[in-house]
Amino acid sequence: MIDNNKNVLVNSTGSIAGLNFLLKLQNTDKVMPGKIDFTNGYTNMTNDFKDGTTAMIFQGPWETANILTGSAFTDQANMGIAGIPTGPTGATGSPTGGQSYVIYAGTKHPAEAAKFISFMSSTDSQIAIAKANHTLPTRQSAYQNSDVSSNPVIAGYYAVRNTAVSRPVIPQGGQLFTDFDPNIQAALAGSKSAADALNAVADKWKTLLASGS
């Protein structure tokens, strides 16, 4: 995507080769189910996995509680978790990130907001959230709880975390997919080549980074 020096890598030779490989899986190997509906892609992907239409998806721990309600997972041991396979250079591309608690600078109740964040990020709260949602705590102390450490979903994602690659930590991080998603979808739909799609993303990202917004 973007390295720590804000160099745009999304249209590098390796990235283009990766998207071409994905297109081969779709168009030649026929590993994707039927026509892709991009207007509701996330939900369709999840539902196809839940009912066993597809055998594998790219997904994170936040969706696990929902996935495990699917008919394909009446036996929850049926779900496995693995990192994205290594590429030609031997590096894996599993991304890692997280969610943050933020206090609005103009809030009239900063002390109360800080107290709430302190409560939500406490070890006990993180344990409760992890047990309910199968998500990974950020506090190492939470992993001392046996219900957390023995949870197979948490253990599976934690193992992937050890070799994962951080997404770029930049103010524009939340805006990257505005141009990424439609261009990747255009490539999958056949209206753009892999190179043209990723070059278009790179051009937009360079403008976004230059704007500083």
Foldseek 3Di string as FASTA:
>chain_A
DADQVRDDCCLPPVNLVVLVVVLCCVPPVVLDPDDQDPVCRVVVVLLCQLAVVHVDDDDDLQCVVVSCVGPCNPPVVSDAADFAAADPVRAGAAEDDDDDQDDDPPDPCVVVSVVVVCVCLDLVNQLVCCLNRVHERPDPVNCVDPSNVVPNSVVRVVVNVVRYDYDHPAPCVVVLVVLLVVLSVCCSVPNDRSNVSSVSSSVVSVVVVVVRD
